[in-house]
N, C-alpha and C. Protein backbone atom coordinates (compact mmCIF):
# COMPACT_ATOMS: atom_id res chain seq x y z
N MET A 1 -11.93 -14.75 -8.92
CA MET A 1 -12.44 -13.01 -8.91
C MET A 1 -10.81 -12.91 -8.72
N ARG A 2 -10.52 -11.06 -9.42
CA ARG A 2 -9.05 -10.62 -9.23
C ARG A 2 -9.29 -9.58 -8.35
N ILE A 3 -8.25 -9.80 -7.34
CA ILE A 3 -8.11 -8.53 -6.41
C ILE A 3 -6.82 -7.90 -6.59
N GLY A 4 -6.86 -7.21 -6.85
CA GLY A 4 -5.30 -5.98 -7.04
C GLY A 4 -5.23 -5.80 -5.73
N VAL A 5 -4.11 -5.53 -4.74
CA VAL A 5 -4.13 -5.06 -3.94
C VAL A 5 -2.51 -4.30 -3.99
N ASP A 6 -2.25 -3.31 -3.38
CA ASP A 6 -1.64 -1.97 -2.90
C ASP A 6 -0.45 -2.66 -2.35
N LEU A 7 0.40 -2.38 -1.92
CA LEU A 7 1.35 -2.79 -0.96
C LEU A 7 1.32 -1.81 0.39
N ASP A 8 2.47 -1.01 -0.40
CA ASP A 8 2.70 0.55 0.76
C ASP A 8 1.64 1.18 1.30
N GLY A 9 1.55 0.86 3.15
CA GLY A 9 0.02 1.60 3.30
C GLY A 9 -1.25 0.59 3.17
N VAL A 10 -0.69 -1.03 2.35
CA VAL A 10 -2.16 -1.39 2.55
C VAL A 10 -1.61 -2.54 3.22
N VAL A 11 -0.80 -3.39 2.68
CA VAL A 11 -0.04 -5.08 3.34
C VAL A 11 1.22 -4.48 4.18
N ALA A 12 2.26 -3.91 3.53
CA ALA A 12 3.03 -2.87 4.13
C ALA A 12 3.03 -1.86 5.02
N ASP A 13 3.73 -1.85 6.05
CA ASP A 13 3.05 -0.51 6.78
C ASP A 13 4.30 -0.16 6.68
N PHE A 14 4.72 0.70 5.78
CA PHE A 14 5.59 1.86 5.28
C PHE A 14 5.46 2.72 6.21
N THR A 15 4.22 3.44 6.70
CA THR A 15 4.61 4.55 7.62
C THR A 15 5.34 4.29 8.75
N THR A 16 4.99 3.09 9.44
CA THR A 16 6.16 2.87 10.86
C THR A 16 7.57 2.11 10.72
N GLY A 17 7.49 1.98 9.30
CA GLY A 17 8.90 1.46 8.82
C GLY A 17 9.53 2.68 7.98
N TRP A 18 9.51 3.86 7.73
CA TRP A 18 10.21 5.14 7.63
C TRP A 18 10.31 5.81 8.89
N THR A 19 8.97 5.79 9.56
CA THR A 19 9.07 6.91 10.46
C THR A 19 10.16 6.89 11.57
N THR A 20 10.12 5.26 11.83
CA THR A 20 11.30 4.45 12.96
C THR A 20 12.61 4.24 12.20
N GLN A 21 12.69 4.61 11.05
CA GLN A 21 13.90 5.05 10.40
C GLN A 21 14.66 5.63 11.10
N TYR A 22 13.55 7.05 10.42
CA TYR A 22 13.81 8.68 10.53
C TYR A 22 13.93 8.74 11.77
N TYR A 23 13.62 8.16 12.52
CA TYR A 23 14.09 8.18 14.39
C TYR A 23 15.31 7.88 14.64
N LYS A 24 15.93 7.01 14.10
CA LYS A 24 16.99 6.42 14.26
C LYS A 24 17.90 6.94 13.69
N ASP A 25 17.99 7.90 12.31
CA ASP A 25 19.05 8.55 11.81
C ASP A 25 18.84 10.22 12.08
N PHE A 26 17.68 10.41 12.18
CA PHE A 26 17.33 11.49 12.98
C PHE A 26 17.45 12.07 14.27
N GLY A 27 16.47 11.47 14.87
CA GLY A 27 16.27 11.78 16.28
C GLY A 27 15.16 12.42 16.44
N LYS A 28 14.23 12.09 15.12
CA LYS A 28 12.96 13.12 15.33
C LYS A 28 11.50 12.31 14.92
N GLN A 29 10.80 12.26 16.43
CA GLN A 29 9.78 11.22 16.39
C GLN A 29 8.38 11.92 15.60
N ILE A 30 8.65 11.01 14.78
CA ILE A 30 7.16 11.33 13.80
C ILE A 30 5.91 10.22 14.11
N ASN A 31 4.75 10.70 14.64
CA ASN A 31 3.64 9.78 14.86
C ASN A 31 2.85 9.52 13.46
N GLU A 32 2.34 8.30 13.02
CA GLU A 32 1.20 8.09 12.37
C GLU A 32 0.16 9.57 12.25
N SER A 33 -0.26 9.82 13.49
CA SER A 33 -1.16 10.49 13.56
C SER A 33 -0.70 12.00 13.17
N ASP A 34 0.34 12.20 12.63
CA ASP A 34 0.96 13.24 12.12
C ASP A 34 1.34 13.58 11.11
N ILE A 35 0.63 12.25 10.01
CA ILE A 35 0.55 12.34 8.60
C ILE A 35 -0.73 12.40 8.14
N THR A 36 -0.93 13.92 7.52
CA THR A 36 -2.38 14.04 7.28
C THR A 36 -2.84 14.21 5.84
N GLU A 37 -1.86 14.20 5.41
CA GLU A 37 -1.57 14.97 3.48
C GLU A 37 -0.42 13.38 2.85
N TRP A 38 -0.96 13.57 1.63
CA TRP A 38 0.05 12.53 1.16
C TRP A 38 1.50 13.25 0.64
N GLY A 39 2.54 12.54 0.70
CA GLY A 39 3.74 13.16 0.64
C GLY A 39 4.03 13.34 2.00
N LEU A 40 5.52 13.27 1.85
CA LEU A 40 7.14 13.12 2.70
C LEU A 40 7.96 14.05 3.44
N ALA A 41 7.50 14.72 2.96
CA ALA A 41 8.54 16.37 2.63
C ALA A 41 8.49 16.96 4.18
N SER A 42 9.12 18.10 4.10
CA SER A 42 8.53 19.36 4.90
C SER A 42 6.72 19.24 5.14
N PRO A 43 6.06 19.39 5.86
CA PRO A 43 7.15 20.20 7.23
C PRO A 43 7.14 18.79 8.19
N LEU A 44 7.01 17.26 7.87
CA LEU A 44 6.87 16.31 8.93
C LEU A 44 8.55 16.06 8.85
N THR A 45 9.35 16.00 7.82
CA THR A 45 10.81 15.86 7.85
C THR A 45 11.66 16.94 7.79
N HIS A 46 13.13 17.16 7.72
CA HIS A 46 13.97 17.86 7.20
C HIS A 46 14.24 18.28 6.30
N PHE A 47 13.47 16.83 4.60
CA PHE A 47 13.56 17.43 3.66
C PHE A 47 13.20 18.01 2.86
N LYS A 48 13.33 19.02 2.05
CA LYS A 48 12.52 20.03 1.20
C LYS A 48 11.72 19.34 0.33
N LYS A 49 12.09 18.86 -0.45
CA LYS A 49 11.74 17.99 -1.59
C LYS A 49 11.08 16.62 -1.29
N GLU A 50 10.24 15.90 -2.36
CA GLU A 50 10.38 14.76 -2.09
C GLU A 50 11.41 13.70 -2.17
N ILE A 51 11.98 14.31 -3.04
CA ILE A 51 13.53 13.78 -3.89
C ILE A 51 14.43 13.27 -3.14
N ASP A 52 14.91 14.37 -1.94
CA ASP A 52 15.48 14.35 -0.67
C ASP A 52 15.10 13.24 0.08
N PHE A 53 13.59 12.85 0.66
CA PHE A 53 13.18 12.09 1.02
C PHE A 53 13.86 10.70 0.34
N TRP A 54 13.00 10.32 -1.17
CA TRP A 54 13.65 9.39 -1.67
C TRP A 54 15.16 9.09 -1.77
N ASN A 55 15.70 9.62 -1.98
CA ASN A 55 17.33 9.42 -1.64
C ASN A 55 17.82 9.29 -0.75
N TRP A 56 17.45 9.90 0.30
CA TRP A 56 17.52 8.71 1.88
C TRP A 56 17.05 7.28 1.39
N ALA A 57 15.58 7.56 1.58
CA ALA A 57 15.43 6.33 1.91
C ALA A 57 15.63 4.82 0.08
N LYS A 58 16.54 5.33 -0.74
CA LYS A 58 17.29 4.51 -1.83
C LYS A 58 18.43 3.44 -0.70
N ASP A 59 19.16 4.46 0.19
CA ASP A 59 20.32 3.53 1.04
C ASP A 59 20.07 3.45 2.46
N ILE A 60 19.23 2.29 2.95
CA ILE A 60 19.54 2.65 4.54
C ILE A 60 20.26 0.99 5.12
N ASN A 61 21.11 1.01 5.39
CA ASN A 61 22.36 -0.07 5.64
C ASN A 61 22.19 -0.85 4.34
N GLY A 62 22.51 -0.44 3.30
CA GLY A 62 22.62 -1.37 2.15
C GLY A 62 21.09 -1.74 1.39
N ASN A 63 20.11 -1.43 2.15
CA ASN A 63 18.91 -1.95 1.37
C ASN A 63 18.16 -0.57 1.43
N SER A 64 16.93 -0.62 0.44
CA SER A 64 15.98 0.33 0.14
C SER A 64 15.50 0.21 1.78
N ILE A 65 14.46 1.35 2.15
CA ILE A 65 13.54 1.53 3.06
C ILE A 65 12.41 0.72 2.97
N PHE A 66 12.22 -0.29 1.69
CA PHE A 66 10.88 -1.06 1.32
C PHE A 66 11.21 -2.56 1.96
N ARG A 67 13.06 -2.77 2.23
CA ARG A 67 13.57 -4.30 2.20
C ARG A 67 12.78 -4.79 3.69
N HIS A 68 12.57 -4.07 5.13
CA HIS A 68 12.47 -4.54 6.29
C HIS A 68 11.27 -4.13 7.09
N LEU A 69 10.11 -3.44 6.30
CA LEU A 69 8.79 -3.21 6.37
C LEU A 69 8.02 -4.13 7.49
N PRO A 70 7.50 -3.68 8.11
CA PRO A 70 6.69 -4.95 8.68
C PRO A 70 4.92 -5.11 8.11
N VAL A 71 4.41 -6.07 8.19
CA VAL A 71 3.43 -5.96 7.42
C VAL A 71 2.27 -5.16 8.50
N TYR A 72 0.84 -5.54 7.90
CA TYR A 72 0.09 -4.82 8.73
C TYR A 72 -0.81 -6.03 9.49
N GLU A 73 -1.29 -5.49 10.41
CA GLU A 73 -2.45 -7.16 11.13
C GLU A 73 -3.13 -7.60 10.31
N ASP A 74 -3.29 -8.78 10.50
CA ASP A 74 -3.94 -9.74 9.91
C ASP A 74 -4.24 -9.73 8.46
N SER A 75 -3.39 -8.93 7.70
CA SER A 75 -3.06 -8.19 5.76
C SER A 75 -3.10 -9.64 5.75
N VAL A 76 -1.74 -10.88 5.66
CA VAL A 76 -1.66 -11.76 5.34
C VAL A 76 -2.10 -13.16 5.66
N GLU A 77 -3.11 -13.08 6.59
CA GLU A 77 -3.93 -14.02 6.81
C GLU A 77 -5.13 -13.88 6.33
N ALA A 78 -5.60 -12.15 5.93
CA ALA A 78 -7.01 -12.03 4.75
C ALA A 78 -6.51 -12.20 3.58
N LEU A 79 -5.47 -11.98 2.41
CA LEU A 79 -4.90 -12.62 1.78
C LEU A 79 -5.04 -14.11 1.52
N MET A 80 -4.41 -14.65 2.64
CA MET A 80 -4.10 -15.80 2.46
C MET A 80 -5.82 -16.51 2.35
N GLU A 81 -7.02 -15.87 3.19
CA GLU A 81 -8.39 -16.51 2.93
C GLU A 81 -8.91 -16.30 1.67
N GLN A 82 -8.69 -14.96 0.97
CA GLN A 82 -9.10 -15.19 -0.33
C GLN A 82 -8.52 -16.35 -1.14
N ILE A 83 -7.38 -16.47 -1.08
CA ILE A 83 -6.86 -17.38 -2.03
C ILE A 83 -8.03 -18.74 -1.59
N HIS A 84 -7.92 -19.06 -0.42
CA HIS A 84 -8.65 -20.02 -0.86
C HIS A 84 -9.69 -20.31 -0.98
N PHE A 85 -10.90 -19.02 -0.99
CA PHE A 85 -11.74 -18.97 -1.54
C PHE A 85 -11.83 -18.61 -3.09
N GLY A 86 -10.57 -19.33 -3.49
CA GLY A 86 -10.04 -19.30 -5.23
C GLY A 86 -10.27 -17.53 -5.64
N ASN A 87 -9.83 -17.02 -4.92
CA ASN A 87 -10.07 -15.71 -5.76
C ASN A 87 -8.28 -15.56 -5.41
N GLU A 88 -8.03 -14.62 -6.92
CA GLU A 88 -6.33 -14.51 -7.07
C GLU A 88 -5.93 -13.19 -6.79
N ILE A 89 -4.90 -13.21 -6.30
CA ILE A 89 -3.99 -11.74 -5.13
C ILE A 89 -3.26 -11.32 -6.45
N ILE A 90 -3.88 -10.06 -6.92
CA ILE A 90 -2.78 -9.41 -8.02
C ILE A 90 -2.20 -8.17 -7.23
N ILE A 91 -0.46 -8.41 -7.08
CA ILE A 91 -0.40 -6.79 -6.30
C ILE A 91 -0.28 -5.88 -7.30
N LEU A 92 -0.14 -4.70 -6.89
CA LEU A 92 -0.20 -3.23 -7.91
C LEU A 92 0.23 -2.49 -6.66
N SER A 93 2.00 -2.40 -7.58
CA SER A 93 2.31 -0.70 -6.47
C SER A 93 3.26 0.11 -7.49
N SER A 94 3.14 0.98 -7.26
CA SER A 94 3.71 2.07 -7.91
C SER A 94 5.31 2.42 -7.49
N LYS A 95 5.68 1.04 -6.80
CA LYS A 95 7.45 1.68 -6.00
C LYS A 95 7.98 2.35 -7.43
N PRO A 96 9.47 2.67 -6.75
CA PRO A 96 9.98 3.22 -7.93
C PRO A 96 11.33 1.94 -8.31
N TRP A 97 12.12 2.69 -9.62
CA TRP A 97 12.66 0.97 -9.53
C TRP A 97 13.61 0.42 -9.06
N TRP A 98 14.59 1.54 -8.02
CA TRP A 98 15.41 1.05 -6.97
C TRP A 98 14.74 -0.10 -5.88
N SER A 99 13.66 -0.06 -5.86
CA SER A 99 13.13 -0.91 -4.76
C SER A 99 12.66 -1.88 -5.12
N ILE A 100 12.56 -2.33 -6.43
CA ILE A 100 11.74 -3.66 -6.92
C ILE A 100 12.69 -5.11 -6.15
N ASN A 101 13.69 -4.96 -6.47
CA ASN A 101 15.04 -6.07 -6.02
C ASN A 101 14.19 -6.63 -4.40
N ASP A 102 14.72 -5.87 -3.69
CA ASP A 102 13.97 -5.39 -1.94
C ASP A 102 12.33 -5.67 -1.77
N THR A 103 11.56 -5.25 -2.92
CA THR A 103 9.87 -5.29 -3.04
C THR A 103 9.81 -7.27 -2.93
N LEU A 104 10.32 -7.47 -4.01
CA LEU A 104 10.35 -8.93 -4.09
C LEU A 104 10.55 -10.11 -3.37
N LEU A 105 11.90 -9.72 -2.59
CA LEU A 105 12.55 -10.35 -1.88
C LEU A 105 11.32 -10.40 -0.30
N TRP A 106 10.86 -8.96 -0.12
CA TRP A 106 10.01 -8.51 1.21
C TRP A 106 8.76 -9.55 0.67
N LEU A 107 8.62 -9.63 -0.55
CA LEU A 107 7.23 -10.46 -0.52
C LEU A 107 7.35 -12.03 -0.77
N GLY A 108 8.80 -12.00 -0.97
CA GLY A 108 8.57 -14.33 -0.31
C GLY A 108 8.61 -14.15 1.21
N GLU A 109 9.53 -13.48 1.76
CA GLU A 109 9.97 -13.54 2.89
C GLU A 109 8.60 -13.21 3.89
N ASN A 110 7.33 -12.83 3.66
CA ASN A 110 6.45 -12.12 4.14
C ASN A 110 5.11 -13.23 3.96
N LYS A 111 5.80 -14.39 2.84
CA LYS A 111 4.84 -15.25 2.25
C LYS A 111 3.31 -14.57 2.01
N ILE A 112 3.36 -13.19 1.26
CA ILE A 112 2.26 -12.45 0.40
C ILE A 112 2.13 -13.74 -0.95
N PRO A 113 0.83 -14.37 -0.51
CA PRO A 113 0.26 -15.30 -2.06
C PRO A 113 -0.34 -14.65 -3.11
N THR A 114 0.60 -14.49 -3.83
CA THR A 114 0.26 -13.96 -4.88
C THR A 114 1.43 -14.49 -6.09
N LYS A 115 0.73 -14.84 -7.53
CA LYS A 115 1.58 -14.94 -8.64
C LYS A 115 1.91 -14.00 -9.35
N GLU A 116 1.23 -12.99 -9.32
CA GLU A 116 1.47 -12.00 -10.22
C GLU A 116 1.47 -10.56 -9.74
N ILE A 117 2.75 -9.81 -10.17
CA ILE A 117 3.07 -8.71 -9.86
C ILE A 117 3.09 -7.58 -10.53
N HIS A 118 2.98 -6.32 -10.52
CA HIS A 118 3.36 -5.52 -11.57
C HIS A 118 3.11 -4.13 -10.79
N PHE A 119 4.64 -3.68 -10.75
CA PHE A 119 5.01 -2.14 -10.76
C PHE A 119 4.93 -1.29 -12.11
N THR A 120 3.78 -0.50 -11.48
CA THR A 120 3.21 0.78 -12.72
C THR A 120 2.39 1.50 -11.71
N GLU A 121 2.57 2.74 -12.36
CA GLU A 121 1.84 4.10 -11.71
C GLU A 121 0.52 3.86 -12.11
N ASP A 122 0.16 3.22 -13.18
CA ASP A 122 -1.49 3.28 -14.27
C ASP A 122 -1.47 1.70 -13.84
N LYS A 123 -2.11 1.75 -12.04
CA LYS A 123 -2.35 0.62 -11.67
C LYS A 123 -3.73 -0.04 -12.23
N TRP A 124 -4.60 1.02 -12.87
CA TRP A 124 -6.31 0.98 -13.54
C TRP A 124 -6.09 0.21 -14.71
N LYS A 125 -5.14 0.21 -14.96
CA LYS A 125 -4.68 -0.27 -16.51
C LYS A 125 -4.76 -2.38 -15.96
N ILE A 126 -4.30 -2.74 -15.03
CA ILE A 126 -4.18 -3.80 -14.57
C ILE A 126 -5.62 -4.56 -14.41
N ASP A 127 -6.36 -5.56 -15.50
CA ASP A 127 -7.79 -5.73 -15.12
C ASP A 127 -8.06 -6.83 -13.89
N CYS A 128 -8.58 -5.86 -12.87
CA CYS A 128 -9.07 -6.73 -12.00
C CYS A 128 -10.52 -6.64 -11.29
N ASP A 129 -11.00 -7.11 -10.93
CA ASP A 129 -12.86 -7.16 -10.29
C ASP A 129 -12.69 -5.89 -9.36
N VAL A 130 -11.93 -6.18 -8.19
CA VAL A 130 -11.79 -5.33 -7.17
C VAL A 130 -10.12 -4.10 -6.97
N TYR A 131 -10.27 -3.22 -6.51
CA TYR A 131 -8.79 -2.84 -5.98
C TYR A 131 -8.69 -2.04 -4.84
N ILE A 132 -7.92 -2.48 -4.35
CA ILE A 132 -7.67 -2.10 -3.10
C ILE A 132 -6.36 -1.25 -2.60
N ASP A 133 -6.26 0.13 -2.37
CA ASP A 133 -5.52 0.66 -2.08
C ASP A 133 -5.76 2.22 -1.07
N ASP A 134 -4.61 2.70 -0.93
CA ASP A 134 -4.36 3.83 0.35
C ASP A 134 -4.27 5.09 -0.46
N ALA A 135 -4.26 5.26 -1.78
CA ALA A 135 -3.23 6.46 -2.69
C ALA A 135 -4.19 7.26 -2.96
N PRO A 136 -4.72 8.56 -2.54
CA PRO A 136 -5.65 9.78 -2.99
C PRO A 136 -5.67 9.26 -4.93
N HIS A 137 -4.39 9.81 -4.96
CA HIS A 137 -4.57 9.79 -6.33
C HIS A 137 -4.63 8.24 -7.39
N GLN A 138 -4.23 7.62 -6.90
CA GLN A 138 -4.81 6.05 -7.39
C GLN A 138 -6.33 5.68 -7.40
N LEU A 139 -6.77 6.29 -5.89
CA LEU A 139 -8.38 5.96 -5.52
C LEU A 139 -9.47 6.66 -7.29
N LYS A 140 -8.39 7.92 -6.95
CA LYS A 140 -9.31 8.88 -8.05
C LYS A 140 -9.07 8.10 -9.15
N SER A 141 -7.61 7.81 -9.38
CA SER A 141 -7.89 7.24 -10.77
C SER A 141 -8.62 5.84 -11.69
N PHE A 142 -9.26 4.95 -10.18
CA PHE A 142 -9.73 4.03 -10.24
C PHE A 142 -11.29 4.54 -10.93
N THR A 143 -11.55 5.42 -10.04
CA THR A 143 -12.75 5.87 -10.00
C THR A 143 -13.32 6.81 -11.20
N LYS A 144 -12.17 7.27 -11.74
CA LYS A 144 -12.54 7.42 -13.03
C LYS A 144 -12.08 6.47 -14.49
N LYS A 145 -11.02 5.62 -14.86
CA LYS A 145 -10.57 4.26 -15.16
C LYS A 145 -11.82 3.51 -15.25
N THR A 146 -12.17 2.79 -14.16
CA THR A 146 -12.31 1.68 -13.71
C THR A 146 -13.91 1.59 -12.93
N ASN A 147 -14.76 2.65 -13.51
CA ASN A 147 -16.14 2.80 -12.33
C ASN A 147 -16.82 1.46 -11.95
N GLU A 148 -16.49 0.59 -12.81
CA GLU A 148 -17.70 -0.28 -13.49
C GLU A 148 -17.37 -1.94 -12.19
N LYS A 149 -15.45 -1.49 -11.89
CA LYS A 149 -15.00 -2.48 -10.71
C LYS A 149 -15.12 -2.17 -9.16
N LEU A 150 -15.41 -3.00 -8.22
CA LEU A 150 -15.38 -2.48 -6.84
C LEU A 150 -14.38 -1.97 -6.70
N ILE A 151 -14.00 -0.95 -5.87
CA ILE A 151 -12.86 -0.01 -5.42
C ILE A 151 -12.79 0.31 -3.71
N ILE A 152 -12.09 -0.07 -3.27
CA ILE A 152 -11.85 -0.36 -1.54
C ILE A 152 -10.56 0.95 -1.27
N ARG A 153 -11.06 1.84 -0.66
CA ARG A 153 -10.33 2.65 0.17
C ARG A 153 -9.76 2.05 1.42
N PHE A 154 -8.26 1.98 1.45
CA PHE A 154 -7.81 1.14 2.36
C PHE A 154 -7.62 2.49 3.71
N VAL A 155 -8.09 2.82 4.77
CA VAL A 155 -8.26 4.26 5.24
C VAL A 155 -7.41 4.61 5.86
N ARG A 156 -6.77 5.41 5.96
CA ARG A 156 -5.02 5.65 6.66
C ARG A 156 -5.66 7.20 7.14
N SER A 157 -4.56 8.31 7.76
CA SER A 157 -5.15 9.30 8.14
C SER A 157 -4.28 10.14 6.93
N TYR A 158 -4.17 9.83 5.88
CA TYR A 158 -4.00 11.16 5.00
C TYR A 158 -4.89 10.84 3.78
N ASN A 159 -6.09 9.78 3.60
CA ASN A 159 -7.09 9.93 2.42
C ASN A 159 -8.06 9.79 2.96
N ARG A 160 -9.05 10.74 2.19
CA ARG A 160 -10.25 11.12 2.88
C ARG A 160 -11.96 10.18 1.68
N PRO A 161 -12.21 10.15 2.16
CA PRO A 161 -13.50 8.97 1.47
C PRO A 161 -13.84 10.19 0.40
N ILE A 162 -14.53 8.72 -0.83
CA ILE A 162 -13.94 9.25 -1.50
C ILE A 162 -16.03 8.56 -2.21
N GLU A 163 -16.58 9.42 -3.05
CA GLU A 163 -18.25 8.57 -3.36
C GLU A 163 -17.67 7.63 -4.20
N GLY A 164 -18.41 6.30 -4.50
CA GLY A 164 -18.35 5.34 -4.98
C GLY A 164 -17.51 4.23 -4.58
N VAL A 165 -16.36 4.65 -3.84
CA VAL A 165 -15.40 3.72 -3.45
C VAL A 165 -15.57 3.33 -1.57
N LEU A 166 -15.62 2.32 -1.15
CA LEU A 166 -16.09 1.39 -0.06
C LEU A 166 -14.64 1.80 0.80
N ASP A 167 -14.89 1.64 2.14
CA ASP A 167 -13.89 1.85 3.30
C ASP A 167 -13.70 0.52 3.78
N LEU A 168 -12.32 0.41 3.84
CA LEU A 168 -11.53 -1.02 4.70
C LEU A 168 -10.48 -0.45 5.53
N HIS A 169 -10.89 -0.70 6.95
CA HIS A 169 -10.59 -0.48 7.68
C HIS A 169 -9.65 -1.06 8.92
N HIS A 170 -9.93 -2.43 8.46
CA HIS A 170 -9.21 -3.58 9.32
C HIS A 170 -9.44 -4.94 8.21
N TRP A 171 -7.99 -5.64 7.61
CA TRP A 171 -8.27 -6.68 7.13
C TRP A 171 -9.23 -7.55 7.64
N LYS A 172 -9.29 -7.89 9.25
CA LYS A 172 -10.35 -8.55 9.26
C LYS A 172 -11.72 -8.61 8.73
N ASP A 173 -11.73 -7.22 8.50
CA ASP A 173 -13.57 -7.38 7.55
C ASP A 173 -13.61 -7.38 6.14
N LEU A 174 -12.21 -7.71 5.34
CA LEU A 174 -12.17 -7.84 3.87
C LEU A 174 -13.14 -8.73 3.75
N THR A 175 -13.26 -10.31 4.11
CA THR A 175 -14.32 -10.63 3.96
C THR A 175 -15.84 -10.71 3.75
N SER A 176 -16.02 -10.14 4.84
CA SER A 176 -17.71 -10.01 5.25
C SER A 176 -17.72 -8.11 4.01
N LEU A 177 -16.87 -7.51 3.59
CA LEU A 177 -17.14 -6.40 3.12
C LEU A 177 -17.34 -6.94 1.42
N LEU A 178 -16.22 -7.99 0.59
CA LEU A 178 -17.05 -8.64 -0.23
C LEU A 178 -17.91 -9.35 -0.33
N GLU A 179 -17.96 -10.03 0.66
CA GLU A 179 -19.64 -10.67 0.51
C GLU A 179 -20.61 -9.81 0.73
N SER A 180 -20.50 -8.97 1.16
CA SER A 180 -21.80 -7.70 1.34
C SER A 180 -21.79 -7.12 -0.07
N GLN A 181 -21.08 -7.30 -1.11
CA GLN A 181 -21.23 -6.87 -2.21
C GLN A 181 -21.96 -7.39 -3.28
N LYS A 182 -22.00 -8.95 -2.62
CA LYS A 182 -22.18 -10.13 -3.93
C LYS A 182 -21.99 -10.10 -5.15
N LEU A 183 -19.92 -9.99 -5.15
CA LEU A 183 -19.54 -10.68 -6.27
C LEU A 183 -19.39 -11.64 -6.58
């Protein structure tokens, strides 16, 4: 089985990464519970436009914000378990071009078990049996373009349930969720 997995907000804890750095640079604490909508500019930050956030995120002490993100609890172990079951992990990420080198280093250093990586906004074009994502717009694209596939929403405070999409709250529950679908 080919399992398409998003990185940020799913495997990589982007929220902790950027909010920690934002606090260091600007002195404002932003809690995960404060993030209730998709997007990173105002009112959460002082940035007026998304591009201003991303311009800051491009260079954090010589690296992009994506270079040193923590991994979510049990994420690597859950992905390794799927590899041991004979499944393939396909990384599907819509990162900006300037973050790709840092992302590849991050994948290696965190021992993410994959042989196939795609950087694309059109994730649905990559053939997988299962898609795991947190981004509301990506989940909607999957439901419209790949509705015969299993689509899993990694539940976060900024996404909402979608009909036909299964919810995953914790990585340790992935295997039982997949087994319940008899794939």
